[in-house]
C-alpha atoms as a PDB file:
ATOM      1  CA  MET A   1     -75.647 -52.252  59.888  1.00  0.00           C
ATOM      2  CA  SER A   2     -75.745 -55.959  60.650  1.00  0.00           C
ATOM      3  CA  GLU A   3     -77.608 -57.436  63.605  1.00  0.00           C
ATOM      4  CA  LEU A   4     -74.265 -58.414  65.182  1.00  0.00           C
ATOM      5  CA  GLU A   5     -72.974 -54.843  64.897  1.00  0.00           C
ATOM      6  CA  LEU A   6     -76.195 -53.465  66.373  1.00  0.00           C
ATOM      7  CA  ASP A   7     -76.049 -55.999  69.217  1.00  0.00           C
ATOM      8  CA  ALA A   8     -72.453 -54.998  69.999  1.00  0.00           C
ATOM      9  CA  LEU A   9     -73.327 -51.284  69.885  1.00  0.00           C
ATOM     10  CA  TRP A  10     -76.389 -51.834  72.101  1.00  0.00           C
ATOM     11  CA  GLU A  11     -74.241 -53.650  74.681  1.00  0.00           C
ATOM     12  CA  GLY A  12     -71.494 -51.012  74.482  1.00  0.00           C
ATOM     13  CA  PHE A  13     -74.017 -48.224  74.928  1.00  0.00           C
ATOM     14  CA  HIS A  14     -75.586 -49.863  77.962  1.00  0.00           C
ATOM     15  CA  SER A  15     -72.136 -50.434  79.454  1.00  0.00           C
ATOM     16  CA  ALA A  16     -71.153 -46.786  78.927  1.00  0.00           C
ATOM     17  CA  VAL A  17     -74.500 -45.482  80.193  1.00  0.00           C
ATOM     18  CA  ASN A  18     -74.511 -46.698  83.788  1.00  0.00           C
ATOM     19  CA  MET A  19     -77.336 -44.460  85.010  1.00  0.00           C
ATOM     20  CA  THR A  20     -80.939 -45.638  84.907  1.00  0.00           C
ATOM     21  CA  SER A  21     -83.475 -43.621  82.954  1.00  0.00           C
ATOM     22  CA  GLN A  22     -84.879 -42.343  86.272  1.00  0.00           C
ATOM     23  CA  GLU A  23     -81.426 -41.283  87.505  1.00  0.00           C
ATOM     24  CA  LEU A  24     -80.613 -39.560  84.217  1.00  0.00           C
ATOM     25  CA  ALA A  25     -83.975 -37.758  84.087  1.00  0.00           C
ATOM     26  CA  ALA A  26     -83.482 -36.514  87.655  1.00  0.00           C
ATOM     27  CA  TRP A  27     -79.937 -35.389  86.886  1.00  0.00           C
ATOM     28  CA  LEU A  28     -81.023 -33.530  83.739  1.00  0.00           C
ATOM     29  CA  ARG A  29     -83.655 -31.648  85.770  1.00  0.00           C
ATOM     30  CA  VAL A  30     -81.089 -30.677  88.421  1.00  0.00           C
ATOM     31  CA  ASP A  31     -78.424 -29.787  85.866  1.00  0.00           C
ATOM     32  CA  ASP A  32     -80.820 -27.611  83.869  1.00  0.00           C
ATOM     33  CA  ALA A  33     -82.283 -25.749  86.862  1.00  0.00           C
ATOM     34  CA  ALA A  34     -81.379 -22.083  87.247  1.00  0.00           C
ATOM     35  CA  GLU A  35     -82.736 -19.285  89.374  1.00  0.00           C
ATOM     36  CA  ASP A  36     -83.941 -17.219  86.435  1.00  0.00           C
ATOM     37  CA  SER A  37     -85.268 -20.002  84.224  1.00  0.00           C
ATOM     38  CA  GLU A  38     -86.135 -23.633  84.378  1.00  0.00           C
ATOM     39  CA  SER A  39     -87.358 -25.957  81.683  1.00  0.00           C
ATOM     40  CA  LEU A  40     -90.416 -28.084  82.047  1.00  0.00           C
ATOM     41  CA  PRO A  41     -89.263 -31.304  83.744  1.00  0.00           C
ATOM     42  CA  GLU A  42     -89.798 -33.435  80.651  1.00  0.00           C
ATOM     43  CA  ASP A  43     -87.749 -30.981  78.539  1.00  0.00           C
ATOM     44  CA  ALA A  44     -84.872 -30.505  81.000  1.00  0.00           C
ATOM     45  CA  GLY A  45     -81.311 -31.163  79.990  1.00  0.00           C
ATOM     46  CA  ALA A  46     -79.064 -30.813  77.007  1.00  0.00           C
ATOM     47  CA  GLY A  47     -80.213 -32.327  73.737  1.00  0.00           C
ATOM     48  CA  ILE A  48     -77.791 -35.240  73.974  1.00  0.00           C
ATOM     49  CA  GLY A  49     -79.037 -36.104  77.460  1.00  0.00           C
ATOM     50  CA  GLN A  50     -82.612 -36.168  76.196  1.00  0.00           C
ATOM     51  CA  GLN A  51     -81.557 -38.397  73.303  1.00  0.00           C
ATOM     52  CA  VAL A  52     -79.807 -40.818  75.674  1.00  0.00           C
ATOM     53  CA  LEU A  53     -82.890 -40.841  77.880  1.00  0.00           C
ATOM     54  CA  SER A  54     -85.074 -41.627  74.863  1.00  0.00           C
ATOM     55  CA  ILE A  55     -82.831 -44.553  73.857  1.00  0.00           C
ATOM     56  CA  LEU A  56     -82.865 -45.937  77.411  1.00  0.00           C
ATOM     57  CA  GLN A  57     -86.644 -46.116  77.176  1.00  0.00           C
ATOM     58  CA  LYS A  58     -86.597 -48.125  73.918  1.00  0.00           C
ATOM     59  CA  ARG A  59     -86.188 -51.747  73.009  1.00  0.00           C
ATOM     60  CA  ARG A  60     -83.191 -52.599  70.858  1.00  0.00           C
ATOM     61  CA  THR A  61     -85.478 -53.431  67.943  1.00  0.00           C
ATOM     62  CA  ASP A  62     -86.960 -49.908  68.032  1.00  0.00           C
ATOM     63  CA  VAL A  63     -83.770 -47.861  67.589  1.00  0.00           C
ATOM     64  CA  THR A  64     -83.566 -45.494  64.637  1.00  0.00           C
ATOM     65  CA  ASP A  65     -80.584 -44.468  62.520  1.00  0.00           C
ATOM     66  CA  GLU A  66     -80.356 -41.298  64.637  1.00  0.00           C
ATOM     67  CA  ASP A  67     -80.314 -43.434  67.797  1.00  0.00           C
ATOM     68  CA  VAL A  68     -77.430 -45.451  66.341  1.00  0.00           C
ATOM     69  CA  ARG A  69     -75.504 -42.226  65.685  1.00  0.00           C
ATOM     70  CA  VAL A  70     -76.136 -41.057  69.263  1.00  0.00           C
ATOM     71  CA  MET A  71     -75.122 -44.426  70.713  1.00  0.00           C
ATOM     72  CA  TYR A  72     -71.803 -44.343  68.826  1.00  0.00           C
ATOM     73  CA  PHE A  73     -71.222 -40.769  70.002  1.00  0.00           C
ATOM     74  CA  VAL A  74     -71.969 -41.632  73.650  1.00  0.00           C
ATOM     75  CA  VAL A  75     -69.768 -44.736  73.694  1.00  0.00           C
ATOM     76  CA  ASP A  76     -66.854 -42.859  72.092  1.00  0.00           C
ATOM     77  CA  SER A  77     -67.328 -39.794  74.298  1.00  0.00           C
ATOM     78  CA  VAL A  78     -67.503 -41.739  77.559  1.00  0.00           C
ATOM     79  CA  GLU A  79     -64.426 -43.775  76.622  1.00  0.00           C
ATOM     80  CA  SER A  80     -62.392 -40.727  75.624  1.00  0.00           C
ATOM     81  CA  ARG A  81     -63.473 -38.580  78.591  1.00  0.00           C
ATOM     82  CA  ARG A  82     -62.905 -41.368  81.117  1.00  0.00           C
ATOM     83  CA  GLY A  83     -59.445 -42.171  79.815  1.00  0.00           C
ATOM     84  CA  ASP A  84     -56.892 -44.339  81.549  1.00  0.00           C
ATOM     85  CA  ALA A  85     -56.037 -41.725  84.162  1.00  0.00           C
ATOM     86  CA  THR A  86     -59.386 -42.003  85.912  1.00  0.00           C
ATOM     87  CA  ASP A  87     -59.831 -45.781  85.880  1.00  0.00           C
ATOM     88  CA  ASN A  88     -58.413 -46.226  89.360  1.00  0.00           C
ATOM     89  CA  ASP A  89     -59.645 -42.919  90.769  1.00  0.00           C
ATOM     90  CA  PRO A  90     -63.116 -41.957  89.505  1.00  0.00           C
ATOM     91  CA  GLU A  91     -62.871 -38.584  91.279  1.00  0.00           C
ATOM     92  CA  ALA A  92     -59.662 -37.604  89.466  1.00  0.00           C
ATOM     93  CA  GLY A  93     -61.488 -35.641  86.786  1.00  0.00           C
ATOM     94  CA  GLY A  94     -63.233 -33.184  89.097  1.00  0.00           C
ATOM     95  CA  THR A  95     -66.804 -31.981  89.365  1.00  0.00           C
ATOM     96  CA  GLN A  96     -67.145 -30.375  85.918  1.00  0.00           C
ATOM     97  CA  TRP A  97     -65.751 -33.495  84.250  1.00  0.00           C
ATOM     98  CA  ARG A  98     -68.185 -35.700  86.199  1.00  0.00           C
ATOM     99  CA  HIS A  99     -71.133 -33.490  85.277  1.00  0.00           C
ATOM    100  CA  GLN A 100     -70.201 -33.637  81.577  1.00  0.00           C
ATOM    101  CA  LEU A 101     -70.195 -37.421  81.737  1.00  0.00           C
ATOM    102  CA  MET A 102     -73.474 -37.482  83.647  1.00  0.00           C
ATOM    103  CA  ARG A 103     -75.119 -35.508  80.826  1.00  0.00           C
ATOM    104  CA  LEU A 104     -74.290 -38.569  78.692  1.00  0.00           C
ATOM    105  CA  GLY A 105     -75.760 -40.954  81.269  1.00  0.00           C
ATOM    106  CA  HIS A 106     -72.436 -42.046  82.794  1.00  0.00           C
ATOM    107  CA  ASP A 107     -71.696 -41.394  86.463  1.00  0.00           C
ATOM    108  CA  PRO A 108     -68.027 -42.204  87.089  1.00  0.00           C
ATOM    109  CA  LEU A 109     -68.707 -42.445  90.837  1.00  0.00           C
ATOM    110  CA  LYS A 110     -71.355 -45.106  90.380  1.00  0.00           C
ATOM    111  CA  ALA A 111     -70.080 -48.614  90.983  1.00  0.00           C
ATOM    112  CA  SER A 112     -70.081 -50.880  87.951  1.00  0.00           C
ATOM    113  CA  ALA A 113     -72.740 -53.552  87.906  1.00  0.00           C
END
C-alpha cells in the first residue's frame, strides 16, 4: 500500500469514526453490560469495537496490516449502513441500527465536526 493510499484510508477512517476513544470505550462498556455477566472494562465490547478503539489510540505510522483491514471494513460498513436514506434524518434507522454503528465508532446522532 502506498503512503497516499494509507493517508486516504486514515482520513476516511477518522471521518467514519466520529466518536472519540473515550466515548467509544464508554459505549462498549455499556453495550456489553448484562445482569448475569459483565466483562472487565478494558475487555468490554465486540471484537471489532476493541479493534477500532486500538486504532484510535495509534499514530498513523504505527498501523499494522490487520489495522488496515479493519479500517477498510469500518469505512465500508459505516457507509453502507448509513446509506442515503439516513443522511437527512440520523434517527431514521432506529435504535438497533444506531447501536450497530456505535460498535464501529460511528454515532449517527453526533454532529459532524
